[in-house]
All heavy atoms as atom14 arrays in JSON, in Angstrom:
{
  "sequence": "AGYPYYIVAFCKFIKESGTFNLERLRTVLKDHSASEFLDHNSNVSK",
  "atom14_mask": [
    [1, 1, 1, 1, 1, 0, 0, 0, 0, 0, 0, 0, 0, 0],
    [1, 1, 1, 1, 0, 0, 0, 0, 0, 0, 0, 0, 0, 0],
    [1, 1, 1, 1, 1, 1, 1, 1, 1, 1, 1, 1, 0, 0],
    [1, 1, 1, 1, 1, 1, 1, 0, 0, 0, 0, 0, 0, 0],
    [1, 1, 1, 1, 1, 1, 1, 1, 1, 1, 1, 1, 0, 0],
    [1, 1, 1, 1, 1, 1, 1, 1, 1, 1, 1, 1, 0, 0],
    [1, 1, 1, 1, 1, 1, 1, 1, 0, 0, 0, 0, 0, 0],
    [1, 1, 1, 1, 1, 1, 1, 0, 0, 0, 0, 0, 0, 0],
    [1, 1, 1, 1, 1, 0, 0, 0, 0, 0, 0, 0, 0, 0],
    [1, 1, 1, 1, 1, 1, 1, 1, 1, 1, 1, 0, 0, 0],
    [1, 1, 1, 1, 1, 1, 0, 0, 0, 0, 0, 0, 0, 0],
    [1, 1, 1, 1, 1, 1, 1, 1, 1, 0, 0, 0, 0, 0],
    [1, 1, 1, 1, 1, 1, 1, 1, 1, 1, 1, 0, 0, 0],
    [1, 1, 1, 1, 1, 1, 1, 1, 0, 0, 0, 0, 0, 0],
    [1, 1, 1, 1, 1, 1, 1, 1, 1, 0, 0, 0, 0, 0],
    [1, 1, 1, 1, 1, 1, 1, 1, 1, 0, 0, 0, 0, 0],
    [1, 1, 1, 1, 1, 1, 0, 0, 0, 0, 0, 0, 0, 0],
    [1, 1, 1, 1, 0, 0, 0, 0, 0, 0, 0, 0, 0, 0],
    [1, 1, 1, 1, 1, 1, 1, 0, 0, 0, 0, 0, 0, 0],
    [1, 1, 1, 1, 1, 1, 1, 1, 1, 1, 1, 0, 0, 0],
    [1, 1, 1, 1, 1, 1, 1, 1, 0, 0, 0, 0, 0, 0],
    [1, 1, 1, 1, 1, 1, 1, 1, 0, 0, 0, 0, 0, 0],
    [1, 1, 1, 1, 1, 1, 1, 1, 1, 0, 0, 0, 0, 0],
    [1, 1, 1, 1, 1, 1, 1, 1, 1, 1, 1, 0, 0, 0],
    [1, 1, 1, 1, 1, 1, 1, 1, 0, 0, 0, 0, 0, 0],
    [1, 1, 1, 1, 1, 1, 1, 1, 1, 1, 1, 0, 0, 0],
    [1, 1, 1, 1, 1, 1, 1, 0, 0, 0, 0, 0, 0, 0],
    [1, 1, 1, 1, 1, 1, 1, 0, 0, 0, 0, 0, 0, 0],
    [1, 1, 1, 1, 1, 1, 1, 1, 0, 0, 0, 0, 0, 0],
    [1, 1, 1, 1, 1, 1, 1, 1, 1, 0, 0, 0, 0, 0],
    [1, 1, 1, 1, 1, 1, 1, 1, 0, 0, 0, 0, 0, 0],
    [1, 1, 1, 1, 1, 1, 1, 1, 1, 1, 0, 0, 0, 0],
    [1, 1, 1, 1, 1, 1, 0, 0, 0, 0, 0, 0, 0, 0],
    [1, 1, 1, 1, 1, 0, 0, 0, 0, 0, 0, 0, 0, 0],
    [1, 1, 1, 1, 1, 1, 0, 0, 0, 0, 0, 0, 0, 0],
    [1, 1, 1, 1, 1, 1, 1, 1, 1, 0, 0, 0, 0, 0],
    [1, 1, 1, 1, 1, 1, 1, 1, 1, 1, 1, 0, 0, 0],
    [1, 1, 1, 1, 1, 1, 1, 1, 0, 0, 0, 0, 0, 0],
    [1, 1, 1, 1, 1, 1, 1, 1, 0, 0, 0, 0, 0, 0],
    [1, 1, 1, 1, 1, 1, 1, 1, 1, 1, 0, 0, 0, 0],
    [1, 1, 1, 1, 1, 1, 1, 1, 0, 0, 0, 0, 0, 0],
    [1, 1, 1, 1, 1, 1, 0, 0, 0, 0, 0, 0, 0, 0],
    [1, 1, 1, 1, 1, 1, 1, 1, 0, 0, 0, 0, 0, 0],
    [1, 1, 1, 1, 1, 1, 1, 0, 0, 0, 0, 0, 0, 0],
    [1, 1, 1, 1, 1, 1, 0, 0, 0, 0, 0, 0, 0, 0],
    [1, 1, 1, 1, 1, 1, 1, 1, 1, 0, 0, 0, 0, 0]
  ],
  "atom14_positions": [
    [[-56.43, -27.63, 9.68], [-55.75, -27.83, 11.1], [-55.04, -26.7, 11.58], [-54.1, -26.87, 12.38], [-54.91, -29.12, 10.9], [0.0, 0.0, 0.0], [0.0, 0.0, 0.0], [0.0, 0.0, 0.0], [0.0, 0.0, 0.0], [0.0, 0.0, 0.0], [0.0, 0.0, 0.0], [0.0, 0.0, 0.0], [0.0, 0.0, 0.0], [0.0, 0.0, 0.0]],
    [[-55.36, -25.34, 11.09], [-54.67, -24.22, 11.67], [-53.2, -24.21, 11.21], [-52.47, -23.43, 11.77], [0.0, 0.0, 0.0], [0.0, 0.0, 0.0], [0.0, 0.0, 0.0], [0.0, 0.0, 0.0], [0.0, 0.0, 0.0], [0.0, 0.0, 0.0], [0.0, 0.0, 0.0], [0.0, 0.0, 0.0], [0.0, 0.0, 0.0], [0.0, 0.0, 0.0]],
    [[-52.93, -24.92, 10.04], [-51.55, -24.8, 9.6], [-51.41, -23.58, 8.68], [-52.03, -23.5, 7.62], [-51.28, -26.11, 8.68], [-50.02, -26.5, 8.44], [-49.64, -27.87, 7.95], [-48.91, -25.64, 8.5], [-48.31, -28.19, 7.55], [-47.73, -25.98, 8.19], [-47.38, -27.28, 7.68], [-46.11, -27.71, 7.49], [0.0, 0.0, 0.0], [0.0, 0.0, 0.0]],
    [[-50.54, -22.73, 9.16], [-50.42, -21.44, 8.57], [-49.95, -21.46, 7.11], [-50.47, -20.73, 6.22], [-49.57, -20.62, 9.27], [-48.82, -21.49, 10.18], [-49.76, -22.67, 10.4], [0.0, 0.0, 0.0], [0.0, 0.0, 0.0], [0.0, 0.0, 0.0], [0.0, 0.0, 0.0], [0.0, 0.0, 0.0], [0.0, 0.0, 0.0], [0.0, 0.0, 0.0]],
    [[-49.11, -22.47, 6.79], [-48.56, -22.45, 5.43], [-49.61, -22.8, 4.36], [-49.77, -22.22, 3.33], [-47.4, -23.44, 5.32], [-46.61, -23.38, 4.06], [-45.51, -22.61, 4.04], [-47.09, -23.9, 2.93], [-44.73, -22.52, 2.92], [-46.3, -23.74, 1.69], [-45.14, -23.12, 1.8], [-44.38, -22.94, 0.59], [0.0, 0.0, 0.0], [0.0, 0.0, 0.0]],
    [[-50.45, -23.81, 4.86], [-51.48, -24.12, 3.95], [-52.62, -23.13, 3.81], [-53.31, -22.91, 2.76], [-52.22, -25.57, 4.28], [-51.45, -26.66, 3.89], [-50.59, -27.48, 4.79], [-51.48, -27.11, 2.62], [-49.92, -28.59, 4.38], [-50.78, -28.21, 2.24], [-50.04, -28.81, 2.99], [-49.25, -30.14, 2.6], [0.0, 0.0, 0.0], [0.0, 0.0, 0.0]],
    [[-52.94, -22.37, 4.95], [-53.92, -21.36, 4.98], [-53.47, -20.3, 3.95], [-54.3, -19.86, 3.14], [-54.0, -20.82, 6.36], [-54.67, -21.91, 7.28], [-54.94, -19.55, 6.29], [-54.68, -21.44, 8.75], [0.0, 0.0, 0.0], [0.0, 0.0, 0.0], [0.0, 0.0, 0.0], [0.0, 0.0, 0.0], [0.0, 0.0, 0.0], [0.0, 0.0, 0.0]],
    [[-52.29, -19.87, 4.0], [-51.84, -18.89, 3.12], [-51.71, -19.38, 1.62], [-52.14, -18.72, 0.67], [-50.4, -18.29, 3.44], [-49.79, -17.42, 2.51], [-50.35, -17.68, 4.92], [0.0, 0.0, 0.0], [0.0, 0.0, 0.0], [0.0, 0.0, 0.0], [0.0, 0.0, 0.0], [0.0, 0.0, 0.0], [0.0, 0.0, 0.0], [0.0, 0.0, 0.0]],
    [[-51.23, -20.57, 1.46], [-51.14, -21.17, 0.1], [-52.42, -21.16, -0.58], [-52.56, -20.81, -1.76], [-50.41, -22.53, 0.19], [0.0, 0.0, 0.0], [0.0, 0.0, 0.0], [0.0, 0.0, 0.0], [0.0, 0.0, 0.0], [0.0, 0.0, 0.0], [0.0, 0.0, 0.0], [0.0, 0.0, 0.0], [0.0, 0.0, 0.0], [0.0, 0.0, 0.0]],
    [[-53.41, -21.82, 0.08], [-54.72, -22.04, -0.65], [-55.54, -20.7, -0.78], [-56.17, -20.57, -1.76], [-55.55, -23.12, 0.19], [-55.03, -24.52, -0.13], [-54.66, -25.3, 0.98], [-54.74, -25.0, -1.44], [-53.95, -26.58, 0.78], [-54.2, -26.17, -1.63], [-53.89, -27.08, -0.56], [0.0, 0.0, 0.0], [0.0, 0.0, 0.0], [0.0, 0.0, 0.0]],
    [[-55.39, -19.9, 0.28], [-56.23, -18.62, 0.23], [-55.64, -17.78, -0.94], [-56.27, -17.04, -1.62], [-56.05, -17.84, 1.59], [-57.25, -18.49, 2.81], [0.0, 0.0, 0.0], [0.0, 0.0, 0.0], [0.0, 0.0, 0.0], [0.0, 0.0, 0.0], [0.0, 0.0, 0.0], [0.0, 0.0, 0.0], [0.0, 0.0, 0.0], [0.0, 0.0, 0.0]],
    [[-54.25, -17.75, -1.04], [-53.65, -16.91, -2.21], [-53.99, -17.63, -3.5], [-54.17, -16.95, -4.55], [-52.09, -17.01, -1.96], [-51.55, -16.03, -1.03], [-50.11, -15.78, -1.06], [-49.9, -14.91, -2.4], [-48.34, -14.3, -2.36], [0.0, 0.0, 0.0], [0.0, 0.0, 0.0], [0.0, 0.0, 0.0], [0.0, 0.0, 0.0], [0.0, 0.0, 0.0]],
    [[-54.0, -18.98, -3.46], [-54.51, -19.68, -4.69], [-55.95, -19.35, -5.11], [-56.14, -18.99, -6.41], [-54.29, -21.1, -4.5], [-54.21, -21.97, -5.8], [-53.64, -21.39, -7.01], [-54.63, -23.28, -5.86], [-53.51, -22.14, -8.12], [-54.53, -24.07, -6.97], [-53.98, -23.43, -8.09], [0.0, 0.0, 0.0], [0.0, 0.0, 0.0], [0.0, 0.0, 0.0]],
    [[-56.73, -19.26, -4.13], [-58.09, -18.82, -4.52], [-58.18, -17.4, -4.95], [-58.81, -17.09, -6.0], [-59.02, -18.92, -3.22], [-59.24, -20.34, -2.77], [-60.39, -18.19, -3.3], [-59.99, -20.52, -1.44], [0.0, 0.0, 0.0], [0.0, 0.0, 0.0], [0.0, 0.0, 0.0], [0.0, 0.0, 0.0], [0.0, 0.0, 0.0], [0.0, 0.0, 0.0]],
    [[-57.41, -16.46, -4.37], [-57.42, -15.11, -4.66], [-56.93, -14.86, -5.95], [-57.36, -13.98, -6.83], [-56.55, -14.27, -3.62], [-56.53, -12.89, -3.91], [-55.63, -12.05, -2.69], [-55.7, -10.58, -2.97], [-54.84, -10.12, -1.81], [0.0, 0.0, 0.0], [0.0, 0.0, 0.0], [0.0, 0.0, 0.0], [0.0, 0.0, 0.0], [0.0, 0.0, 0.0]],
    [[-55.84, -15.63, -6.45], [-55.19, -15.27, -7.71], [-55.66, -16.12, -8.86], [-55.45, -15.66, -10.04], [-53.66, -15.62, -7.43], [-53.03, -14.54, -6.5], [-51.52, -14.87, -6.1], [-51.03, -15.89, -6.75], [-50.95, -14.33, -5.37], [0.0, 0.0, 0.0], [0.0, 0.0, 0.0], [0.0, 0.0, 0.0], [0.0, 0.0, 0.0], [0.0, 0.0, 0.0]],
    [[-56.17, -17.2, -8.69], [-56.66, -18.04, -9.73], [-57.82, -17.54, -10.49], [-57.91, -17.54, -11.69], [-56.84, -19.57, -9.31], [-58.05, -19.59, -8.55], [0.0, 0.0, 0.0], [0.0, 0.0, 0.0], [0.0, 0.0, 0.0], [0.0, 0.0, 0.0], [0.0, 0.0, 0.0], [0.0, 0.0, 0.0], [0.0, 0.0, 0.0], [0.0, 0.0, 0.0]],
    [[-59.01, -17.13, -9.71], [-60.15, -16.78, -10.27], [-61.05, -17.77, -10.98], [-62.0, -17.52, -11.47], [0.0, 0.0, 0.0], [0.0, 0.0, 0.0], [0.0, 0.0, 0.0], [0.0, 0.0, 0.0], [0.0, 0.0, 0.0], [0.0, 0.0, 0.0], [0.0, 0.0, 0.0], [0.0, 0.0, 0.0], [0.0, 0.0, 0.0], [0.0, 0.0, 0.0]],
    [[-60.63, -19.18, -10.69], [-61.23, -20.27, -11.4], [-62.1, -21.14, -10.48], [-62.92, -21.87, -10.87], [-60.27, -21.08, -12.16], [-59.36, -21.69, -11.27], [-59.56, -20.23, -13.26], [0.0, 0.0, 0.0], [0.0, 0.0, 0.0], [0.0, 0.0, 0.0], [0.0, 0.0, 0.0], [0.0, 0.0, 0.0], [0.0, 0.0, 0.0], [0.0, 0.0, 0.0]],
    [[-61.85, -20.9, -9.16], [-62.66, -21.61, -8.27], [-62.8, -20.84, -6.9], [-62.03, -19.86, -6.76], [-61.94, -23.01, -7.92], [-60.64, -22.95, -7.27], [-60.64, -23.05, -5.84], [-59.58, -22.78, -7.95], [-59.34, -22.96, -5.17], [-58.31, -22.7, -7.34], [-58.35, -22.85, -5.92], [0.0, 0.0, 0.0], [0.0, 0.0, 0.0], [0.0, 0.0, 0.0]],
    [[-63.7, -21.28, -6.08], [-63.97, -20.54, -4.95], [-63.74, -21.31, -3.58], [-63.34, -22.49, -3.64], [-65.5, -19.93, -4.91], [-66.52, -21.17, -5.03], [-66.18, -22.27, -4.66], [-67.51, -20.95, -5.67], [0.0, 0.0, 0.0], [0.0, 0.0, 0.0], [0.0, 0.0, 0.0], [0.0, 0.0, 0.0], [0.0, 0.0, 0.0], [0.0, 0.0, 0.0]],
    [[-64.08, -20.76, -2.6], [-63.74, -21.29, -1.24], [-64.59, -22.57, -1.03], [-64.16, -23.49, -0.49], [-64.13, -20.23, -0.13], [-63.7, -20.65, 1.28], [-62.29, -20.81, 1.46], [-64.07, -19.49, 2.22], [0.0, 0.0, 0.0], [0.0, 0.0, 0.0], [0.0, 0.0, 0.0], [0.0, 0.0, 0.0], [0.0, 0.0, 0.0], [0.0, 0.0, 0.0]],
    [[-65.79, -22.57, -1.48], [-66.67, -23.72, -1.32], [-66.1, -24.82, -2.1], [-66.16, -26.01, -1.5], [-68.2, -23.35, -1.9], [-69.18, -24.44, -1.6], [-69.49, -24.68, -0.12], [-69.23, -23.76, 0.75], [-69.71, -25.83, 0.2], [0.0, 0.0, 0.0], [0.0, 0.0, 0.0], [0.0, 0.0, 0.0], [0.0, 0.0, 0.0], [0.0, 0.0, 0.0]],
    [[-65.67, -24.72, -3.26], [-65.1, -25.83, -4.04], [-63.89, -26.35, -3.35], [-63.68, -27.64, -3.29], [-64.74, -25.34, -5.37], [-64.17, -26.47, -6.39], [-63.81, -25.97, -7.69], [-63.12, -26.9, -8.48], [-62.33, -26.58, -9.57], [-62.33, -25.38, -10.05], [-61.72, -27.6, -10.07], [0.0, 0.0, 0.0], [0.0, 0.0, 0.0], [0.0, 0.0, 0.0]],
    [[-63.04, -25.45, -2.8], [-61.81, -26.05, -2.06], [-62.27, -26.93, -0.9], [-61.66, -27.94, -0.55], [-61.01, -24.78, -1.59], [-59.83, -25.12, -0.76], [-58.82, -26.16, -1.45], [-59.1, -23.8, -0.26], [0.0, 0.0, 0.0], [0.0, 0.0, 0.0], [0.0, 0.0, 0.0], [0.0, 0.0, 0.0], [0.0, 0.0, 0.0], [0.0, 0.0, 0.0]],
    [[-63.26, -26.28, -0.13], [-63.72, -27.03, 1.11], [-64.22, -28.54, 0.61], [-64.09, -29.45, 1.5], [-64.73, -26.26, 1.87], [-64.19, -25.05, 2.51], [-65.16, -24.38, 3.47], [-65.92, -25.38, 4.17], [-67.18, -25.43, 4.16], [-67.95, -24.62, 3.43], [-67.83, -26.35, 4.93], [0.0, 0.0, 0.0], [0.0, 0.0, 0.0], [0.0, 0.0, 0.0]],
    [[-64.9, -28.6, -0.33], [-65.38, -29.79, -0.87], [-64.34, -30.72, -1.18], [-64.28, -32.03, -0.81], [-66.22, -29.6, -2.14], [-67.37, -28.77, -1.82], [-66.86, -31.06, -2.66], [0.0, 0.0, 0.0], [0.0, 0.0, 0.0], [0.0, 0.0, 0.0], [0.0, 0.0, 0.0], [0.0, 0.0, 0.0], [0.0, 0.0, 0.0], [0.0, 0.0, 0.0]],
    [[-63.24, -30.26, -1.81], [-62.09, -31.16, -2.04], [-61.36, -31.63, -0.81], [-60.94, -32.83, -0.67], [-61.12, -30.46, -2.96], [-59.8, -31.24, -3.2], [-61.7, -30.2, -4.31], [0.0, 0.0, 0.0], [0.0, 0.0, 0.0], [0.0, 0.0, 0.0], [0.0, 0.0, 0.0], [0.0, 0.0, 0.0], [0.0, 0.0, 0.0], [0.0, 0.0, 0.0]],
    [[-61.32, -30.75, 0.11], [-60.63, -31.05, 1.41], [-61.27, -32.07, 2.31], [-60.63, -32.58, 3.18], [-60.48, -29.72, 2.14], [-59.51, -28.5, 1.55], [-59.47, -27.33, 2.44], [-57.96, -29.15, 1.65], [0.0, 0.0, 0.0], [0.0, 0.0, 0.0], [0.0, 0.0, 0.0], [0.0, 0.0, 0.0], [0.0, 0.0, 0.0], [0.0, 0.0, 0.0]],
    [[-62.66, -32.22, 2.04], [-63.34, -33.24, 2.85], [-62.82, -34.56, 2.79], [-62.97, -35.42, 3.64], [-64.82, -33.34, 2.41], [-65.57, -31.95, 2.9], [-66.99, -32.13, 2.53], [-67.77, -30.82, 2.92], [-69.07, -30.8, 2.36], [0.0, 0.0, 0.0], [0.0, 0.0, 0.0], [0.0, 0.0, 0.0], [0.0, 0.0, 0.0], [0.0, 0.0, 0.0]],
    [[-61.89, -34.83, 1.71], [-61.44, -36.25, 1.61], [-60.09, -36.31, 2.3], [-59.41, -37.39, 2.1], [-61.19, -36.46, 0.06], [-62.47, -36.51, -0.7], [-63.52, -37.0, -0.21], [-62.43, -36.2, -1.87], [0.0, 0.0, 0.0], [0.0, 0.0, 0.0], [0.0, 0.0, 0.0], [0.0, 0.0, 0.0], [0.0, 0.0, 0.0], [0.0, 0.0, 0.0]],
    [[-59.65, -35.32, 3.01], [-58.33, -35.38, 3.62], [-58.5, -35.0, 5.17], [-59.29, -34.17, 5.5], [-57.42, -34.39, 3.01], [-57.16, -34.76, 1.67], [-56.16, -35.7, 1.09], [-57.76, -34.22, 0.37], [-56.32, -35.72, -0.17], [-57.13, -34.86, -0.7], [0.0, 0.0, 0.0], [0.0, 0.0, 0.0], [0.0, 0.0, 0.0], [0.0, 0.0, 0.0]],
    [[-57.75, -35.64, 6.03], [-57.85, -35.38, 7.36], [-56.82, -34.48, 7.79], [-55.71, -34.17, 7.22], [-57.63, -36.75, 8.09], [-56.39, -37.23, 8.08], [0.0, 0.0, 0.0], [0.0, 0.0, 0.0], [0.0, 0.0, 0.0], [0.0, 0.0, 0.0], [0.0, 0.0, 0.0], [0.0, 0.0, 0.0], [0.0, 0.0, 0.0], [0.0, 0.0, 0.0]],
    [[-57.11, -33.82, 9.04], [-56.09, -32.84, 9.64], [-54.67, -33.51, 9.85], [-53.64, -32.89, 9.62], [-56.58, -32.27, 10.91], [0.0, 0.0, 0.0], [0.0, 0.0, 0.0], [0.0, 0.0, 0.0], [0.0, 0.0, 0.0], [0.0, 0.0, 0.0], [0.0, 0.0, 0.0], [0.0, 0.0, 0.0], [0.0, 0.0, 0.0], [0.0, 0.0, 0.0]],
    [[-54.68, -34.77, 10.18], [-53.4, -35.52, 10.4], [-52.53, -35.44, 9.16], [-51.26, -35.54, 9.32], [-53.68, -36.88, 11.0], [-54.44, -37.67, 10.1], [0.0, 0.0, 0.0], [0.0, 0.0, 0.0], [0.0, 0.0, 0.0], [0.0, 0.0, 0.0], [0.0, 0.0, 0.0], [0.0, 0.0, 0.0], [0.0, 0.0, 0.0], [0.0, 0.0, 0.0]],
    [[-53.15, -35.56, 8.08], [-52.33, -35.56, 6.82], [-51.6, -34.19, 6.67], [-50.45, -34.24, 6.3], [-53.18, -35.76, 5.59], [-53.83, -37.2, 5.56], [-54.72, -37.3, 4.29], [-55.84, -36.82, 4.32], [-54.29, -37.87, 3.18], [0.0, 0.0, 0.0], [0.0, 0.0, 0.0], [0.0, 0.0, 0.0], [0.0, 0.0, 0.0], [0.0, 0.0, 0.0]],
    [[-52.23, -33.15, 6.9], [-51.57, -31.88, 6.78], [-50.49, -31.71, 7.71], [-49.55, -30.98, 7.55], [-52.64, -30.79, 6.93], [-53.71, -30.72, 5.75], [-54.94, -31.0, 6.05], [-53.29, -30.34, 4.58], [-55.84, -30.95, 5.02], [-54.17, -30.38, 3.49], [-55.51, -30.62, 3.87], [0.0, 0.0, 0.0], [0.0, 0.0, 0.0], [0.0, 0.0, 0.0]],
    [[-50.63, -32.27, 8.99], [-49.83, -31.99, 10.12], [-48.74, -33.18, 10.25], [-48.1, -33.44, 11.19], [-50.38, -31.76, 11.32], [-51.38, -30.61, 11.48], [-52.12, -30.51, 12.82], [-50.48, -29.35, 11.31], [0.0, 0.0, 0.0], [0.0, 0.0, 0.0], [0.0, 0.0, 0.0], [0.0, 0.0, 0.0], [0.0, 0.0, 0.0], [0.0, 0.0, 0.0]],
    [[-48.66, -33.98, 9.13], [-47.7, -35.14, 9.2], [-46.22, -34.65, 9.22], [-45.8, -33.75, 8.62], [-47.87, -35.98, 7.88], [-47.24, -37.33, 8.03], [-46.1, -37.39, 8.25], [-47.92, -38.36, 8.11], [0.0, 0.0, 0.0], [0.0, 0.0, 0.0], [0.0, 0.0, 0.0], [0.0, 0.0, 0.0], [0.0, 0.0, 0.0], [0.0, 0.0, 0.0]],
    [[-45.46, -35.25, 10.23], [-44.12, -34.81, 10.4], [-43.21, -35.14, 9.17], [-42.07, -34.57, 9.12], [-43.49, -35.3, 11.71], [-43.96, -34.46, 12.81], [-43.28, -33.43, 13.26], [-45.04, -34.56, 13.68], [-43.82, -32.83, 14.31], [-44.85, -33.57, 14.66], [0.0, 0.0, 0.0], [0.0, 0.0, 0.0], [0.0, 0.0, 0.0], [0.0, 0.0, 0.0]],
    [[-43.65, -36.03, 8.43], [-42.97, -36.33, 7.25], [-43.34, -35.37, 6.13], [-44.45, -35.38, 5.6], [-43.17, -37.69, 6.72], [-42.5, -38.21, 5.47], [-42.0, -37.41, 4.57], [-42.21, -39.56, 5.2], [0.0, 0.0, 0.0], [0.0, 0.0, 0.0], [0.0, 0.0, 0.0], [0.0, 0.0, 0.0], [0.0, 0.0, 0.0], [0.0, 0.0, 0.0]],
    [[-42.43, -34.33, 5.74], [-42.7, -33.28, 4.85], [-43.14, -33.8, 3.43], [-43.91, -33.19, 2.71], [-41.59, -32.22, 4.87], [-40.49, -33.01, 4.12], [0.0, 0.0, 0.0], [0.0, 0.0, 0.0], [0.0, 0.0, 0.0], [0.0, 0.0, 0.0], [0.0, 0.0, 0.0], [0.0, 0.0, 0.0], [0.0, 0.0, 0.0], [0.0, 0.0, 0.0]],
    [[-42.54, -35.0, 3.06], [-42.97, -35.56, 1.82], [-44.48, -35.97, 1.71], [-45.16, -35.9, 0.78], [-42.08, -36.76, 1.47], [-40.68, -36.33, 1.15], [-40.46, -35.45, 0.65], [-39.7, -37.25, 1.52], [0.0, 0.0, 0.0], [0.0, 0.0, 0.0], [0.0, 0.0, 0.0], [0.0, 0.0, 0.0], [0.0, 0.0, 0.0], [0.0, 0.0, 0.0]],
    [[-44.95, -36.44, 2.89], [-46.4, -36.87, 2.98], [-47.21, -35.58, 2.92], [-48.17, -35.49, 2.08], [-46.7, -37.58, 4.37], [-48.2, -37.67, 4.44], [-46.07, -38.92, 4.3], [0.0, 0.0, 0.0], [0.0, 0.0, 0.0], [0.0, 0.0, 0.0], [0.0, 0.0, 0.0], [0.0, 0.0, 0.0], [0.0, 0.0, 0.0], [0.0, 0.0, 0.0]],
    [[-46.8, -34.54, 3.69], [-47.52, -33.3, 3.58], [-47.59, -32.66, 2.15], [-48.52, -32.2, 1.65], [-46.91, -32.22, 4.65], [-47.73, -31.16, 4.79], [0.0, 0.0, 0.0], [0.0, 0.0, 0.0], [0.0, 0.0, 0.0], [0.0, 0.0, 0.0], [0.0, 0.0, 0.0], [0.0, 0.0, 0.0], [0.0, 0.0, 0.0], [0.0, 0.0, 0.0]],
    [[-46.46, -32.74, 1.6], [-46.31, -32.13, 0.19], [-47.19, -32.87, -0.84], [-47.8, -32.24, -1.67], [-44.82, -32.13, -0.23], [-44.51, -31.61, -1.56], [-43.06, -31.68, -2.0], [-42.93, -31.14, -3.42], [-41.4, -31.29, -3.75], [0.0, 0.0, 0.0], [0.0, 0.0, 0.0], [0.0, 0.0, 0.0], [0.0, 0.0, 0.0], [0.0, 0.0, 0.0]]
  ]
}
């Protein structure tokens, strides 16, 4: 959803972990909607 914090967090995680790739992350993300990431309740987002 264009959320910069998550973009940086997950891209850095991909870059530094070396155990999974972008395709795997995208597969996992399919189970979540953009509204979940942009929830104004930070506990939900976390």
